[in-house]
Amino acid sequence: MPPAATGRQLLDADEARVARASRDLTKIAAALVSRPMDRDLHEQMRSFLTRESEPALASWDVLLARTPDELKERISTVLTAQALQRTS
């Protein structure tokens, strides 16, 4: 799936899902360090695991299955789109 050419939608659906999941999980993990017994935080973690974990893992598998040439092409495409956005 080609990336969108405008806005912050440079990533394809799998790339965006993995990036979002990684960001959300990092926030939860960091908060668990300082508030390990926070009930709301535990609920956020359960909610993530219930709703987003499996789709994110499926997208991760898609990304892992890409060949080095496919990865290079995606990097080139995204970097080119970012450069074009900066110049426009």
PDB file of N, CA and C in Angstrom:
ATOM      1  N   MET A   1       0.842  -1.179   0.000  1.00  0.00           N
ATOM      2  CA  MET A   1       0.000   0.000   0.000  1.00  0.00           C
ATOM      3  C   MET A   1       0.885   1.238   0.000  1.00  0.00           C
ATOM      4  N   PRO A   2       0.683   2.162  -0.961  1.00  0.00           N
ATOM      5  CA  PRO A   2       1.526   3.358  -1.011  1.00  0.00           C
ATOM      6  C   PRO A   2       1.172   4.314   0.114  1.00  0.00           C
ATOM      7  N   PRO A   3       2.153   5.082   0.569  1.00  0.00           N
ATOM      8  CA  PRO A   3       1.865   6.042   1.629  1.00  0.00           C
ATOM      9  C   PRO A   3       1.085   7.215   1.081  1.00  0.00           C
ATOM     10  N   ALA A   4       0.361   7.873   1.961  1.00  0.00           N
ATOM     11  CA  ALA A   4      -0.313   9.101   1.549  1.00  0.00           C
ATOM     12  C   ALA A   4       0.742  10.163   1.309  1.00  0.00           C
ATOM     13  N   ALA A   5       0.468  11.082   0.434  1.00  0.00           N
ATOM     14  CA  ALA A   5       1.480  12.064   0.049  1.00  0.00           C
ATOM     15  C   ALA A   5       1.431  13.343   0.879  1.00  0.00           C
ATOM     16  N   THR A   6       0.393  13.507   1.692  1.00  0.00           N
ATOM     17  CA  THR A   6       0.278  14.758   2.426  1.00  0.00           C
ATOM     18  C   THR A   6       0.153  14.515   3.917  1.00  0.00           C
ATOM     19  N   GLY A   7       0.342  15.592   4.671  1.00  0.00           N
ATOM     20  CA  GLY A   7       0.169  15.512   6.115  1.00  0.00           C
ATOM     21  C   GLY A   7       1.143  14.581   6.771  1.00  0.00           C
ATOM     22  N   ARG A   8       0.713  14.043   7.896  1.00  0.00           N
ATOM     23  CA  ARG A   8       1.577  13.149   8.654  1.00  0.00           C
ATOM     24  C   ARG A   8       1.418  11.715   8.207  1.00  0.00           C
ATOM     25  N   GLN A   9       0.661  11.471   7.133  1.00  0.00           N
ATOM     26  CA  GLN A   9       0.359  10.124   6.686  1.00  0.00           C
ATOM     27  C   GLN A   9       1.364   9.623   5.670  1.00  0.00           C
ATOM     28  N   LEU A  10       2.624   9.677   6.010  1.00  0.00           N
ATOM     29  CA  LEU A  10       3.666   9.180   5.120  1.00  0.00           C
ATOM     30  C   LEU A  10       3.818   7.674   5.224  1.00  0.00           C
ATOM     31  N   LEU A  11       3.362   7.110   6.324  1.00  0.00           N
ATOM     32  CA  LEU A  11       3.534   5.685   6.570  1.00  0.00           C
ATOM     33  C   LEU A  11       2.337   4.908   6.060  1.00  0.00           C
ATOM     34  N   ASP A  12       2.573   3.668   5.655  1.00  0.00           N
ATOM     35  CA  ASP A  12       1.444   2.833   5.274  1.00  0.00           C
ATOM     36  C   ASP A  12       0.739   2.366   6.556  1.00  0.00           C
ATOM     37  N   ALA A  13      -0.358   1.661   6.403  1.00  0.00           N
ATOM     38  CA  ALA A  13      -1.184   1.289   7.556  1.00  0.00           C
ATOM     39  C   ALA A  13      -0.412   0.455   8.580  1.00  0.00           C
ATOM     40  N   ASP A  14       0.378  -0.507   8.111  1.00  0.00           N
ATOM     41  CA  ASP A  14       1.135  -1.350   9.038  1.00  0.00           C
ATOM     42  C   ASP A  14       2.215  -0.553   9.761  1.00  0.00           C
ATOM     43  N   GLU A  15       2.912   0.288   9.020  1.00  0.00           N
ATOM     44  CA  GLU A  15       3.958   1.115   9.632  1.00  0.00           C
ATOM     45  C   GLU A  15       3.366   2.051  10.680  1.00  0.00           C
ATOM     46  N   ALA A  16       2.242   2.664  10.353  1.00  0.00           N
ATOM     47  CA  ALA A  16       1.591   3.588  11.288  1.00  0.00           C
ATOM     48  C   ALA A  16       1.098   2.859  12.524  1.00  0.00           C
ATOM     49  N   ARG A  17       0.515   1.675  12.344  1.00  0.00           N
ATOM     50  CA  ARG A  17       0.000   0.900  13.479  1.00  0.00           C
ATOM     51  C   ARG A  17       1.135   0.499  14.419  1.00  0.00           C
ATOM     52  N   VAL A  18       2.252   0.048  13.871  1.00  0.00           N
ATOM     53  CA  VAL A  18       3.400  -0.344  14.698  1.00  0.00           C
ATOM     54  C   VAL A  18       3.978   0.871  15.414  1.00  0.00           C
ATOM     55  N   ALA A  19       4.097   1.987  14.715  1.00  0.00           N
ATOM     56  CA  ALA A  19       4.635   3.202  15.342  1.00  0.00           C
ATOM     57  C   ALA A  19       3.734   3.667  16.483  1.00  0.00           C
ATOM     58  N   ARG A  20       2.430   3.662  16.242  1.00  0.00           N
ATOM     59  CA  ARG A  20       1.474   4.085  17.277  1.00  0.00           C
ATOM     60  C   ARG A  20       1.525   3.145  18.484  1.00  0.00           C
ATOM     61  N   ALA A  21       1.550   1.851  18.229  1.00  0.00           N
ATOM     62  CA  ALA A  21       1.604   0.873  19.323  1.00  0.00           C
ATOM     63  C   ALA A  21       2.894   1.021  20.117  1.00  0.00           C
ATOM     64  N   SER A  22       3.985   1.212  19.435  1.00  0.00           N
ATOM     65  CA  SER A  22       5.269   1.376  20.116  1.00  0.00           C
ATOM     66  C   SER A  22       5.257   2.614  21.001  1.00  0.00           C
ATOM     67  N   ARG A  23       4.726   3.699  20.468  1.00  0.00           N
ATOM     68  CA  ARG A  23       4.646   4.946  21.241  1.00  0.00           C
ATOM     69  C   ARG A  23       3.738   4.764  22.467  1.00  0.00           C
ATOM     70  N   ASP A  24       2.566   4.147  22.272  1.00  0.00           N
ATOM     71  CA  ASP A  24       1.635   3.946  23.378  1.00  0.00           C
ATOM     72  C   ASP A  24       2.218   3.025  24.445  1.00  0.00           C
ATOM     73  N   LEU A  25       2.848   1.943  24.015  1.00  0.00           N
ATOM     74  CA  LEU A  25       3.443   1.011  24.974  1.00  0.00           C
ATOM     75  C   LEU A  25       4.608   1.634  25.728  1.00  0.00           C
ATOM     76  N   THR A  26       5.377   2.463  25.066  1.00  0.00           N
ATOM     77  CA  THR A  26       6.490   3.144  25.740  1.00  0.00           C
ATOM     78  C   THR A  26       5.962   4.083  26.816  1.00  0.00           C
ATOM     79  N   LYS A  27       4.882   4.802  26.520  1.00  0.00           N
ATOM     80  CA  LYS A  27       4.272   5.691  27.516  1.00  0.00           C
ATOM     81  C   LYS A  27       3.763   4.893  28.715  1.00  0.00           C
ATOM     82  N   ILE A  28       3.103   3.792  28.446  1.00  0.00           N
ATOM     83  CA  ILE A  28       2.579   2.950  29.530  1.00  0.00           C
ATOM     84  C   ILE A  28       3.725   2.391  30.366  1.00  0.00           C
ATOM     85  N   ALA A  29       4.758   1.882  29.705  1.00  0.00           N
ATOM     86  CA  ALA A  29       5.899   1.301  30.427  1.00  0.00           C
ATOM     87  C   ALA A  29       6.593   2.343  31.290  1.00  0.00           C
ATOM     88  N   ALA A  30       6.783   3.535  30.758  1.00  0.00           N
ATOM     89  CA  ALA A  30       7.436   4.602  31.534  1.00  0.00           C
ATOM     90  C   ALA A  30       6.581   4.979  32.735  1.00  0.00           C
ATOM     91  N   ALA A  31       5.283   5.062  32.542  1.00  0.00           N
ATOM     92  CA  ALA A  31       4.400   5.405  33.660  1.00  0.00           C
ATOM     93  C   ALA A  31       4.375   4.301  34.712  1.00  0.00           C
ATOM     94  N   LEU A  32       4.485   3.059  34.290  1.00  0.00           N
ATOM     95  CA  LEU A  32       4.504   1.951  35.253  1.00  0.00           C
ATOM     96  C   LEU A  32       5.704   2.022  36.189  1.00  0.00           C
ATOM     97  N   VAL A  33       6.792   2.591  35.724  1.00  0.00           N
ATOM     98  CA  VAL A  33       7.982   2.720  36.557  1.00  0.00           C
ATOM     99  C   VAL A  33       7.695   3.638  37.748  1.00  0.00           C
ATOM    100  N   SER A  34       7.032   4.744  37.474  1.00  0.00           N
ATOM    101  CA  SER A  34       6.788   5.705  38.559  1.00  0.00           C
ATOM    102  C   SER A  34       5.481   5.452  39.303  1.00  0.00           C
ATOM    103  N   ARG A  35       4.538   4.764  38.654  1.00  0.00           N
ATOM    104  CA  ARG A  35       3.235   4.514  39.293  1.00  0.00           C
ATOM    105  C   ARG A  35       2.811   3.063  39.094  1.00  0.00           C
ATOM    106  N   PRO A  36       3.562   2.110  39.648  1.00  0.00           N
ATOM    107  CA  PRO A  36       3.293   0.697  39.357  1.00  0.00           C
ATOM    108  C   PRO A  36       1.936   0.182  39.839  1.00  0.00           C
ATOM    109  N   MET A  37       1.311   0.859  40.788  1.00  0.00           N
ATOM    110  CA  MET A  37       0.028   0.390  41.310  1.00  0.00           C
ATOM    111  C   MET A  37      -1.134   1.310  40.952  1.00  0.00           C
ATOM    112  N   ASP A  38      -0.965   2.109  39.927  1.00  0.00           N
ATOM    113  CA  ASP A  38      -2.011   3.025  39.480  1.00  0.00           C
ATOM    114  C   ASP A  38      -3.081   2.235  38.729  1.00  0.00           C
ATOM    115  N   ARG A  39      -4.284   2.201  39.263  1.00  0.00           N
ATOM    116  CA  ARG A  39      -5.368   1.412  38.656  1.00  0.00           C
ATOM    117  C   ARG A  39      -5.723   1.897  37.256  1.00  0.00           C
ATOM    118  N   ASP A  40      -5.737   3.213  37.056  1.00  0.00           N
ATOM    119  CA  ASP A  40      -6.048   3.738  35.725  1.00  0.00           C
ATOM    120  C   ASP A  40      -5.001   3.289  34.703  1.00  0.00           C
ATOM    121  N   LEU A  41      -3.760   3.276  35.123  1.00  0.00           N
ATOM    122  CA  LEU A  41      -2.683   2.836  34.242  1.00  0.00           C
ATOM    123  C   LEU A  41      -2.831   1.354  33.893  1.00  0.00           C
ATOM    124  N   HIS A  42      -3.200   0.550  34.880  1.00  0.00           N
ATOM    125  CA  HIS A  42      -3.435  -0.873  34.614  1.00  0.00           C
ATOM    126  C   HIS A  42      -4.591  -1.042  33.623  1.00  0.00           C
ATOM    127  N   GLU A  43      -5.609  -0.201  33.761  1.00  0.00           N
ATOM    128  CA  GLU A  43      -6.735  -0.268  32.833  1.00  0.00           C
ATOM    129  C   GLU A  43      -6.298   0.134  31.424  1.00  0.00           C
ATOM    130  N   GLN A  44      -5.436   1.132  31.304  1.00  0.00           N
ATOM    131  CA  GLN A  44      -4.905   1.515  29.996  1.00  0.00           C
ATOM    132  C   GLN A  44      -4.151   0.350  29.362  1.00  0.00           C
ATOM    133  N   MET A  45      -3.362  -0.342  30.172  1.00  0.00           N
ATOM    134  CA  MET A  45      -2.593  -1.472  29.662  1.00  0.00           C
ATOM    135  C   MET A  45      -3.532  -2.600  29.212  1.00  0.00           C
ATOM    136  N   ARG A  46      -4.542  -2.911  30.034  1.00  0.00           N
ATOM    137  CA  ARG A  46      -5.505  -3.953  29.654  1.00  0.00           C
ATOM    138  C   ARG A  46      -6.238  -3.572  28.374  1.00  0.00           C
ATOM    139  N   SER A  47      -6.639  -2.315  28.292  1.00  0.00           N
ATOM    140  CA  SER A  47      -7.351  -1.840  27.113  1.00  0.00           C
ATOM    141  C   SER A  47      -6.479  -1.974  25.862  1.00  0.00           C
ATOM    142  N   PHE A  48      -5.212  -1.592  25.979  1.00  0.00           N
ATOM    143  CA  PHE A  48      -4.307  -1.741  24.842  1.00  0.00           C
ATOM    144  C   PHE A  48      -4.208  -3.209  24.436  1.00  0.00           C
ATOM    145  N   LEU A  49      -3.998  -4.075  25.407  1.00  0.00           N
ATOM    146  CA  LEU A  49      -3.836  -5.494  25.102  1.00  0.00           C
ATOM    147  C   LEU A  49      -5.103  -6.082  24.476  1.00  0.00           C
ATOM    148  N   THR A  50      -6.255  -5.638  24.925  1.00  0.00           N
ATOM    149  CA  THR A  50      -7.521  -6.156  24.403  1.00  0.00           C
ATOM    150  C   THR A  50      -7.804  -5.672  22.993  1.00  0.00           C
ATOM    151  N   ARG A  51      -7.568  -4.380  22.732  1.00  0.00           N
ATOM    152  CA  ARG A  51      -7.989  -3.793  21.465  1.00  0.00           C
ATOM    153  C   ARG A  51      -6.893  -3.665  20.423  1.00  0.00           C
ATOM    154  N   GLU A  52      -5.676  -3.407  20.840  1.00  0.00           N
ATOM    155  CA  GLU A  52      -4.656  -3.015  19.871  1.00  0.00           C
ATOM    156  C   GLU A  52      -3.496  -3.990  19.721  1.00  0.00           C
ATOM    157  N   SER A  53      -3.321  -4.848  20.679  1.00  0.00           N
ATOM    158  CA  SER A  53      -2.152  -5.720  20.678  1.00  0.00           C
ATOM    159  C   SER A  53      -2.092  -6.634  19.453  1.00  0.00           C
ATOM    160  N   GLU A  54      -3.140  -7.369  19.191  1.00  0.00           N
ATOM    161  CA  GLU A  54      -3.115  -8.329  18.080  1.00  0.00           C
ATOM    162  C   GLU A  54      -2.957  -7.643  16.724  1.00  0.00           C
ATOM    163  N   PRO A  55      -3.699  -6.573  16.437  1.00  0.00           N
ATOM    164  CA  PRO A  55      -3.468  -5.886  15.158  1.00  0.00           C
ATOM    165  C   PRO A  55      -2.038  -5.348  15.041  1.00  0.00           C
ATOM    166  N   ALA A  56      -1.498  -4.834  16.139  1.00  0.00           N
ATOM    167  CA  ALA A  56      -0.123  -4.308  16.099  1.00  0.00           C
ATOM    168  C   ALA A  56       0.877  -5.430  15.857  1.00  0.00           C
ATOM    169  N   LEU A  57       0.672  -6.556  16.499  1.00  0.00           N
ATOM    170  CA  LEU A  57       1.579  -7.688  16.288  1.00  0.00           C
ATOM    171  C   LEU A  57       1.469  -8.225  14.863  1.00  0.00           C
ATOM    172  N   ALA A  58       0.265  -8.242  14.315  1.00  0.00           N
ATOM    173  CA  ALA A  58       0.091  -8.681  12.925  1.00  0.00           C
ATOM    174  C   ALA A  58       0.824  -7.721  11.975  1.00  0.00           C
ATOM    175  N   SER A  59       0.716  -6.420  12.243  1.00  0.00           N
ATOM    176  CA  SER A  59       1.435  -5.449  11.412  1.00  0.00           C
ATOM    177  C   SER A  59       2.943  -5.605  11.570  1.00  0.00           C
ATOM    178  N   TRP A  60       3.387  -5.883  12.782  1.00  0.00           N
ATOM    179  CA  TRP A  60       4.815  -6.110  13.028  1.00  0.00           C
ATOM    180  C   TRP A  60       5.306  -7.283  12.184  1.00  0.00           C
ATOM    181  N   ASP A  61       4.507  -8.349  12.129  1.00  0.00           N
ATOM    182  CA  ASP A  61       4.877  -9.513  11.313  1.00  0.00           C
ATOM    183  C   ASP A  61       4.985  -9.138   9.837  1.00  0.00           C
ATOM    184  N   VAL A  62       4.086  -8.263   9.367  1.00  0.00           N
ATOM    185  CA  VAL A  62       4.143  -7.796   7.982  1.00  0.00           C
ATOM    186  C   VAL A  62       5.463  -7.062   7.738  1.00  0.00           C
ATOM    187  N   LEU A  63       5.828  -6.183   8.668  1.00  0.00           N
ATOM    188  CA  LEU A  63       7.073  -5.430   8.505  1.00  0.00           C
ATOM    189  C   LEU A  63       8.287  -6.347   8.550  1.00  0.00           C
ATOM    190  N   LEU A  64       8.269  -7.329   9.431  1.00  0.00           N
ATOM    191  CA  LEU A  64       9.392  -8.267   9.529  1.00  0.00           C
ATOM    192  C   LEU A  64       9.550  -9.113   8.275  1.00  0.00           C
ATOM    193  N   ALA A  65       8.453  -9.318   7.557  1.00  0.00           N
ATOM    194  CA  ALA A  65       8.503 -10.152   6.353  1.00  0.00           C
ATOM    195  C   ALA A  65       9.057  -9.402   5.137  1.00  0.00           C
ATOM    196  N   ARG A  66       9.224  -8.089   5.256  1.00  0.00           N
ATOM    197  CA  ARG A  66       9.747  -7.317   4.120  1.00  0.00           C
ATOM    198  C   ARG A  66      11.211  -7.651   3.874  1.00  0.00           C
ATOM    199  N   THR A  67      11.542  -7.667   2.606  1.00  0.00           N
ATOM    200  CA  THR A  67      12.931  -7.932   2.224  1.00  0.00           C
ATOM    201  C   THR A  67      13.758  -6.664   2.426  1.00  0.00           C
ATOM    202  N   PRO A  68      15.078  -6.813   2.482  1.00  0.00           N
ATOM    203  CA  PRO A  68      15.915  -5.610   2.588  1.00  0.00           C
ATOM    204  C   PRO A  68      15.648  -4.608   1.458  1.00  0.00           C
ATOM    205  N   ASP A  69      15.411  -5.100   0.244  1.00  0.00           N
ATOM    206  CA  ASP A  69      15.120  -4.186  -0.870  1.00  0.00           C
ATOM    207  C   ASP A  69      13.794  -3.451  -0.662  1.00  0.00           C
ATOM    208  N   GLU A  70      12.796  -4.151  -0.150  1.00  0.00           N
ATOM    209  CA  GLU A  70      11.516  -3.497   0.140  1.00  0.00           C
ATOM    210  C   GLU A  70      11.677  -2.439   1.231  1.00  0.00           C
ATOM    211  N   LEU A  71      12.455  -2.751   2.245  1.00  0.00           N
ATOM    212  CA  LEU A  71      12.698  -1.785   3.320  1.00  0.00           C
ATOM    213  C   LEU A  71      13.425  -0.549   2.795  1.00  0.00           C
ATOM    214  N   LYS A  72      14.432  -0.760   1.967  1.00  0.00           N
ATOM    215  CA  LYS A  72      15.162   0.373   1.381  1.00  0.00           C
ATOM    216  C   LYS A  72      14.225   1.237   0.545  1.00  0.00           C
ATOM    217  N   GLU A  73      13.355   0.611  -0.220  1.00  0.00           N
ATOM    218  CA  GLU A  73      12.404   1.356  -1.042  1.00  0.00           C
ATOM    219  C   GLU A  73      11.447   2.180  -0.183  1.00  0.00           C
ATOM    220  N   ARG A  74      10.952   1.595   0.902  1.00  0.00           N
ATOM    221  CA  ARG A  74      10.044   2.329   1.797  1.00  0.00           C
ATOM    222  C   ARG A  74      10.763   3.511   2.438  1.00  0.00           C
ATOM    223  N   ILE A  75      11.983   3.303   2.889  1.00  0.00           N
ATOM    224  CA  ILE A  75      12.752   4.391   3.499  1.00  0.00           C
ATOM    225  C   ILE A  75      12.948   5.512   2.480  1.00  0.00           C
ATOM    226  N   SER A  76      13.312   5.151   1.274  1.00  0.00           N
ATOM    227  CA  SER A  76      13.509   6.140   0.224  1.00  0.00           C
ATOM    228  C   SER A  76      12.217   6.900  -0.072  1.00  0.00           C
ATOM    229  N   THR A  77      11.118   6.182  -0.160  1.00  0.00           N
ATOM    230  CA  THR A  77       9.824   6.805  -0.443  1.00  0.00           C
ATOM    231  C   THR A  77       9.435   7.792   0.651  1.00  0.00           C
ATOM    232  N   VAL A  78       9.564   7.382   1.894  1.00  0.00           N
ATOM    233  CA  VAL A  78       9.179   8.243   3.013  1.00  0.00           C
ATOM    234  C   VAL A  78      10.095   9.460   3.101  1.00  0.00           C
ATOM    235  N   LEU A  79      11.396   9.248   2.957  1.00  0.00           N
ATOM    236  CA  LEU A  79      12.328  10.378   3.024  1.00  0.00           C
ATOM    237  C   LEU A  79      12.105  11.368   1.883  1.00  0.00           C
ATOM    238  N   THR A  80      11.821  10.850   0.701  1.00  0.00           N
ATOM    239  CA  THR A  80      11.541  11.716  -0.443  1.00  0.00           C
ATOM    240  C   THR A  80      10.268  12.535  -0.192  1.00  0.00           C
ATOM    241  N   ALA A  81       9.234  11.881   0.303  1.00  0.00           N
ATOM    242  CA  ALA A  81       7.978  12.583   0.587  1.00  0.00           C
ATOM    243  C   ALA A  81       8.187  13.644   1.658  1.00  0.00           C
ATOM    244  N   GLN A  82       8.973  13.341   2.679  1.00  0.00           N
ATOM    245  CA  GLN A  82       9.265  14.333   3.718  1.00  0.00           C
ATOM    246  C   GLN A  82      10.025  15.523   3.138  1.00  0.00           C
ATOM    247  N   ALA A  83      10.997  15.252   2.298  1.00  0.00           N
ATOM    248  CA  ALA A  83      11.778  16.329   1.688  1.00  0.00           C
ATOM    249  C   ALA A  83      10.891  17.205   0.816  1.00  0.00           C
ATOM    250  N   LEU A  84       9.993  16.596   0.069  1.00  0.00           N
ATOM    251  CA  LEU A  84       9.078  17.360  -0.782  1.00  0.00           C
ATOM    252  C   LEU A  84       8.130  18.221   0.051  1.00  0.00           C
ATOM    253  N   GLN A  85       7.706  17.714   1.176  1.00  0.00           N
ATOM    254  CA  GLN A  85       6.821  18.489   2.058  1.00  0.00           C
ATOM    255  C   GLN A  85       7.555  19.702   2.600  1.00  0.00           C
ATOM    256  N   ARG A  86       8.811  19.535   2.942  1.00  0.00           N
ATOM    257  CA  ARG A  86       9.586  20.647   3.502  1.00  0.00           C
ATOM    258  C   ARG A  86       9.817  21.753   2.478  1.00  0.00           C
ATOM    259  N   THR A  87       9.927  21.375   1.220  1.00  0.00           N
ATOM    260  CA  THR A  87      10.217  22.378   0.188  1.00  0.00           C
ATOM    261  C   THR A  87       8.953  23.038  -0.359  1.00  0.00           C
ATOM    262  N   SER A  88       7.798  22.482  -0.049  1.00  0.00           N
ATOM    263  CA  SER A  88       6.569  23.082  -0.586  1.00  0.00           C
ATOM    264  C   SER A  88       5.912  24.035   0.387  1.00  0.00           C
TER     265      SER A  88
END
